[in-house]
Amino acid sequence: MDIISHGLYGGVAFGRKTKISYVKAFFFGVMPDLFSFGILFIFSILSLASGPDFHSGPPDPASIPGYVHSLYNVTHSLVIAGVVIGLVRLVRGKFLPELFAWPLHILVDIPTHSSEFFPTPFLWPISNFHVDGISWGTPYIFFPNLALLACLYLWFYFSRKGRMD
């Protein structure tokens, strides 16, 4: 799934209480991609590293630096997300609801990433098992995703109109 959709899903699912809560949930929704591909993107913009060519579709995964693959494994693991959520719960004494946008990101990625380009390693480091899903860029995934987001945000807007701080 694209990074903005992840943020929008996270925000509407776990950030409906306040505007601050929404921003936190949006952040945790985009965080897995931001902390893996975002670093490569920033390095490419600053010309600190050459990035792969995304203009003609997904590049060869071998052209993407190894640190991106490593960070992707960490940030797209339900095991790691569960451990972090558990540690935050232990330290705070209660759950941080917005943090659940992270595993939601992973769950949405599992069926929307194919084996050809960054399949979701949701059981890492226990297993490298992944699902050969359908790419989120495929029209019959992409357009229903936009329609679902539109419906969710219309519901969110009309059900919460005037009640957010």
C-alpha atoms as a PDB file:
ATOM      1  CA  MET A   1       0.000   0.000   0.000  1.00  0.00           C
ATOM      2  CA  ASP A   2       1.184   3.546  -0.593  1.00  0.00           C
ATOM      3  CA  ILE A   3       2.563   5.473   2.375  1.00  0.00           C
ATOM      4  CA  ILE A   4      -0.204   8.120   2.462  1.00  0.00           C
ATOM      5  CA  SER A   5      -2.950   5.484   2.537  1.00  0.00           C
ATOM      6  CA  HIS A   6      -1.211   3.851   5.497  1.00  0.00           C
ATOM      7  CA  GLY A   7      -1.246   7.143   7.378  1.00  0.00           C
ATOM      8  CA  LEU A   8      -4.885   7.764   6.519  1.00  0.00           C
ATOM      9  CA  TYR A   9      -5.907   4.262   7.653  1.00  0.00           C
ATOM     10  CA  GLY A  10      -3.920   4.641  10.875  1.00  0.00           C
ATOM     11  CA  GLY A  11      -5.442   8.033  11.583  1.00  0.00           C
ATOM     12  CA  VAL A  12      -9.038   6.988  11.022  1.00  0.00           C
ATOM     13  CA  ALA A  13      -8.638   3.693  12.896  1.00  0.00           C
ATOM     14  CA  PHE A  14      -6.669   4.827  15.959  1.00  0.00           C
ATOM     15  CA  GLY A  15      -6.601   8.627  16.028  1.00  0.00           C
ATOM     16  CA  ARG A  16     -10.212   9.672  16.235  1.00  0.00           C
ATOM     17  CA  LYS A  17     -10.164  11.126  19.769  1.00  0.00           C
ATOM     18  CA  THR A  18      -8.228  14.373  19.225  1.00  0.00           C
ATOM     19  CA  LYS A  19      -6.207  16.097  16.549  1.00  0.00           C
ATOM     20  CA  ILE A  20      -2.984  15.192  18.395  1.00  0.00           C
ATOM     21  CA  SER A  21      -4.110  11.572  18.553  1.00  0.00           C
ATOM     22  CA  TYR A  22      -4.810  11.670  14.806  1.00  0.00           C
ATOM     23  CA  VAL A  23      -1.328  13.038  14.035  1.00  0.00           C
ATOM     24  CA  LYS A  24       0.296  10.337  16.201  1.00  0.00           C
ATOM     25  CA  ALA A  25      -1.736   7.566  14.561  1.00  0.00           C
ATOM     26  CA  PHE A  26      -0.989   8.953  11.091  1.00  0.00           C
ATOM     27  CA  PHE A  27       2.723   8.990  11.965  1.00  0.00           C
ATOM     28  CA  PHE A  28       2.716   5.403  13.247  1.00  0.00           C
ATOM     29  CA  GLY A  29       0.800   4.397  10.115  1.00  0.00           C
ATOM     30  CA  VAL A  30       3.537   5.751   7.833  1.00  0.00           C
ATOM     31  CA  MET A  31       6.463   4.962  10.148  1.00  0.00           C
ATOM     32  CA  PRO A  32       7.359   1.506   8.738  1.00  0.00           C
ATOM     33  CA  ASP A  33       7.896   2.914   5.234  1.00  0.00           C
ATOM     34  CA  LEU A  34       9.305   6.210   6.471  1.00  0.00           C
ATOM     35  CA  PHE A  35      12.032   4.485   8.506  1.00  0.00           C
ATOM     36  CA  SER A  36      13.045   2.189   5.649  1.00  0.00           C
ATOM     37  CA  PHE A  37      12.478   3.882   2.290  1.00  0.00           C
ATOM     38  CA  GLY A  38      12.367   7.421   3.685  1.00  0.00           C
ATOM     39  CA  ILE A  39      16.033   7.331   4.632  1.00  0.00           C
ATOM     40  CA  LEU A  40      17.008   6.267   1.101  1.00  0.00           C
ATOM     41  CA  PHE A  41      14.774   8.999  -0.321  1.00  0.00           C
ATOM     42  CA  ILE A  42      16.384  11.697   1.842  1.00  0.00           C
ATOM     43  CA  PHE A  43      19.906  10.459   1.031  1.00  0.00           C
ATOM     44  CA  SER A  44      19.008  10.516  -2.674  1.00  0.00           C
ATOM     45  CA  ILE A  45      17.644  14.072  -2.477  1.00  0.00           C
ATOM     46  CA  LEU A  46      20.734  15.261  -0.606  1.00  0.00           C
ATOM     47  CA  SER A  47      22.920  13.387  -3.120  1.00  0.00           C
ATOM     48  CA  LEU A  48      24.546  11.422  -0.310  1.00  0.00           C
ATOM     49  CA  ALA A  49      23.692   8.201  -2.120  1.00  0.00           C
ATOM     50  CA  SER A  50      22.324   7.331  -5.511  1.00  0.00           C
ATOM     51  CA  GLY A  51      18.857   5.887  -5.393  1.00  0.00           C
ATOM     52  CA  PRO A  52      17.242   3.320  -7.655  1.00  0.00           C
ATOM     53  CA  ASP A  53      15.128   4.474 -10.583  1.00  0.00           C
ATOM     54  CA  PHE A  54      11.419   4.227  -9.691  1.00  0.00           C
ATOM     55  CA  HIS A  55      10.247   6.038 -12.845  1.00  0.00           C
ATOM     56  CA  SER A  56       9.583   2.921 -14.921  1.00  0.00           C
ATOM     57  CA  GLY A  57       7.994   0.800 -12.194  1.00  0.00           C
ATOM     58  CA  PRO A  58       9.525  -1.043  -9.273  1.00  0.00           C
ATOM     59  CA  PRO A  59      13.323  -1.244  -9.561  1.00  0.00           C
ATOM     60  CA  ASP A  60      15.327  -4.410  -9.136  1.00  0.00           C
ATOM     61  CA  PRO A  61      15.424  -5.040  -5.348  1.00  0.00           C
ATOM     62  CA  ALA A  62      19.166  -5.720  -5.708  1.00  0.00           C
ATOM     63  CA  SER A  63      19.635  -2.047  -6.681  1.00  0.00           C
ATOM     64  CA  ILE A  64      18.314  -0.947  -3.289  1.00  0.00           C
ATOM     65  CA  PRO A  65      20.929  -0.675  -0.511  1.00  0.00           C
ATOM     66  CA  GLY A  66      21.085  -3.469   2.042  1.00  0.00           C
ATOM     67  CA  TYR A  67      20.259  -1.189   4.965  1.00  0.00           C
ATOM     68  CA  VAL A  68      16.827  -0.501   3.399  1.00  0.00           C
ATOM     69  CA  HIS A  69      16.117  -4.254   3.283  1.00  0.00           C
ATOM     70  CA  SER A  70      17.253  -4.643   6.912  1.00  0.00           C
ATOM     71  CA  LEU A  71      15.158  -1.703   8.117  1.00  0.00           C
ATOM     72  CA  TYR A  72      12.199  -2.975   6.098  1.00  0.00           C
ATOM     73  CA  ASN A  73      12.431  -6.345   7.869  1.00  0.00           C
ATOM     74  CA  VAL A  74      12.420  -4.651  11.276  1.00  0.00           C
ATOM     75  CA  THR A  75       9.655  -2.140  10.559  1.00  0.00           C
ATOM     76  CA  HIS A  76       7.386  -4.627   8.753  1.00  0.00           C
ATOM     77  CA  SER A  77       7.471  -7.354  11.407  1.00  0.00           C
ATOM     78  CA  LEU A  78       4.412  -8.027  13.561  1.00  0.00           C
ATOM     79  CA  VAL A  79       6.826  -9.675  16.015  1.00  0.00           C
ATOM     80  CA  ILE A  80       8.884  -6.480  16.406  1.00  0.00           C
ATOM     81  CA  ALA A  81       5.767  -4.275  16.493  1.00  0.00           C
ATOM     82  CA  GLY A  82       4.283  -6.517  19.190  1.00  0.00           C
ATOM     83  CA  VAL A  83       7.437  -6.356  21.295  1.00  0.00           C
ATOM     84  CA  VAL A  84       7.597  -2.552  21.009  1.00  0.00           C
ATOM     85  CA  ILE A  85       3.888  -2.167  21.829  1.00  0.00           C
ATOM     86  CA  GLY A  86       4.381  -4.478  24.818  1.00  0.00           C
ATOM     87  CA  LEU A  87       7.411  -2.517  26.041  1.00  0.00           C
ATOM     88  CA  VAL A  88       5.574   0.783  25.695  1.00  0.00           C
ATOM     89  CA  ARG A  89       2.669  -0.733  27.658  1.00  0.00           C
ATOM     90  CA  LEU A  90       5.086  -1.913  30.344  1.00  0.00           C
ATOM     91  CA  VAL A  91       6.789   1.485  30.652  1.00  0.00           C
ATOM     92  CA  ARG A  92       3.609   3.618  30.468  1.00  0.00           C
ATOM     93  CA  GLY A  93       1.370   1.265  32.421  1.00  0.00           C
ATOM     94  CA  LYS A  94      -1.176   1.434  29.602  1.00  0.00           C
ATOM     95  CA  PHE A  95      -1.319   1.017  25.852  1.00  0.00           C
ATOM     96  CA  LEU A  96      -0.663   3.876  23.463  1.00  0.00           C
ATOM     97  CA  PRO A  97      -3.634   3.328  21.118  1.00  0.00           C
ATOM     98  CA  GLU A  98      -2.102   5.271  18.219  1.00  0.00           C
ATOM     99  CA  LEU A  99       0.821   2.837  18.144  1.00  0.00           C
ATOM    100  CA  PHE A 100      -1.562   0.156  16.815  1.00  0.00           C
ATOM    101  CA  ALA A 101      -1.470   1.953  13.449  1.00  0.00           C
ATOM    102  CA  TRP A 102       1.937   0.252  13.011  1.00  0.00           C
ATOM    103  CA  PRO A 103       0.645  -3.344  12.987  1.00  0.00           C
ATOM    104  CA  LEU A 104      -2.320  -2.166  10.903  1.00  0.00           C
ATOM    105  CA  HIS A 105       0.217  -0.968   8.302  1.00  0.00           C
ATOM    106  CA  ILE A 106       1.795  -4.429   8.302  1.00  0.00           C
ATOM    107  CA  LEU A 107      -1.552  -6.236   8.057  1.00  0.00           C
ATOM    108  CA  VAL A 108      -2.555  -4.090   5.071  1.00  0.00           C
ATOM    109  CA  ASP A 109       0.817  -4.722   3.391  1.00  0.00           C
ATOM    110  CA  ILE A 110       0.665  -8.517   3.679  1.00  0.00           C
ATOM    111  CA  PRO A 111      -1.880  -9.032   0.855  1.00  0.00           C
ATOM    112  CA  THR A 112      -0.854  -5.919  -1.123  1.00  0.00           C
ATOM    113  CA  HIS A 113       2.827  -6.728  -1.712  1.00  0.00           C
ATOM    114  CA  SER A 114       3.949  -9.334  -4.189  1.00  0.00           C
ATOM    115  CA  SER A 115       7.015 -11.548  -3.843  1.00  0.00           C
ATOM    116  CA  GLU A 116       8.625  -9.592  -6.679  1.00  0.00           C
ATOM    117  CA  PHE A 117       9.118  -6.350  -4.736  1.00  0.00           C
ATOM    118  CA  PHE A 118       9.438  -6.171  -0.955  1.00  0.00           C
ATOM    119  CA  PRO A 119       7.085  -8.882   0.254  1.00  0.00           C
ATOM    120  CA  THR A 120       6.053  -8.243   3.856  1.00  0.00           C
ATOM    121  CA  PRO A 121       8.256 -10.172   6.343  1.00  0.00           C
ATOM    122  CA  PHE A 122       5.548 -10.081   9.025  1.00  0.00           C
ATOM    123  CA  LEU A 123       7.054 -12.944  11.078  1.00  0.00           C
ATOM    124  CA  TRP A 124      10.642 -11.683  10.995  1.00  0.00           C
ATOM    125  CA  PRO A 125      12.991 -12.555  12.817  1.00  0.00           C
ATOM    126  CA  ILE A 126      11.228 -15.841  13.605  1.00  0.00           C
ATOM    127  CA  SER A 127      10.594 -16.693   9.959  1.00  0.00           C
ATOM    128  CA  ASN A 128      11.114 -15.221   6.498  1.00  0.00           C
ATOM    129  CA  PHE A 129       7.688 -16.502   5.433  1.00  0.00           C
ATOM    130  CA  HIS A 130       5.695 -14.041   3.363  1.00  0.00           C
ATOM    131  CA  VAL A 131       2.540 -13.973   1.281  1.00  0.00           C
ATOM    132  CA  ASP A 132       2.773 -13.465  -2.463  1.00  0.00           C
ATOM    133  CA  GLY A 133       0.102 -10.790  -2.606  1.00  0.00           C
ATOM    134  CA  ILE A 134      -1.220  -8.540  -5.322  1.00  0.00           C
ATOM    135  CA  SER A 135       0.647  -5.275  -5.789  1.00  0.00           C
ATOM    136  CA  TRP A 136      -1.184  -2.269  -4.343  1.00  0.00           C
ATOM    137  CA  GLY A 137      -0.511  -0.430  -7.619  1.00  0.00           C
ATOM    138  CA  THR A 138      -2.776  -2.823  -9.523  1.00  0.00           C
ATOM    139  CA  PRO A 139      -5.899  -0.872 -10.559  1.00  0.00           C
ATOM    140  CA  TYR A 140      -8.322  -3.337  -8.934  1.00  0.00           C
ATOM    141  CA  ILE A 141      -6.519  -2.808  -5.596  1.00  0.00           C
ATOM    142  CA  PHE A 142      -5.584   0.874  -5.962  1.00  0.00           C
ATOM    143  CA  PHE A 143      -8.997   2.299  -6.884  1.00  0.00           C
ATOM    144  CA  PRO A 144     -11.035   0.337  -4.305  1.00  0.00           C
ATOM    145  CA  ASN A 145      -8.452   1.509  -1.735  1.00  0.00           C
ATOM    146  CA  LEU A 146      -9.194   5.128  -2.667  1.00  0.00           C
ATOM    147  CA  ALA A 147     -12.946   4.468  -2.524  1.00  0.00           C
ATOM    148  CA  LEU A 148     -12.667   2.816   0.901  1.00  0.00           C
ATOM    149  CA  LEU A 149     -10.605   5.715   2.247  1.00  0.00           C
ATOM    150  CA  ALA A 150     -13.159   8.198   0.887  1.00  0.00           C
ATOM    151  CA  CYS A 151     -16.000   6.291   2.576  1.00  0.00           C
ATOM    152  CA  LEU A 152     -14.120   6.028   5.885  1.00  0.00           C
ATOM    153  CA  TYR A 153     -13.303   9.722   5.938  1.00  0.00           C
ATOM    154  CA  LEU A 154     -16.839  10.736   5.010  1.00  0.00           C
ATOM    155  CA  TRP A 155     -18.083   8.601   7.897  1.00  0.00           C
ATOM    156  CA  PHE A 156     -15.362  10.030  10.174  1.00  0.00           C
ATOM    157  CA  TYR A 157     -16.201  13.602   9.203  1.00  0.00           C
ATOM    158  CA  PHE A 158     -19.951  13.304   9.609  1.00  0.00           C
ATOM    159  CA  SER A 159     -19.833  11.207  12.778  1.00  0.00           C
ATOM    160  CA  ARG A 160     -17.313  13.481  14.552  1.00  0.00           C
ATOM    161  CA  LYS A 161     -18.190  16.858  13.058  1.00  0.00           C
ATOM    162  CA  GLY A 162     -17.451  19.532  15.628  1.00  0.00           C
ATOM    163  CA  ARG A 163     -16.368  17.112  18.367  1.00  0.00           C
ATOM    164  CA  MET A 164     -12.570  16.979  17.882  1.00  0.00           C
ATOM    165  CA  ASP A 165     -10.388  19.194  20.085  1.00  0.00           C
END
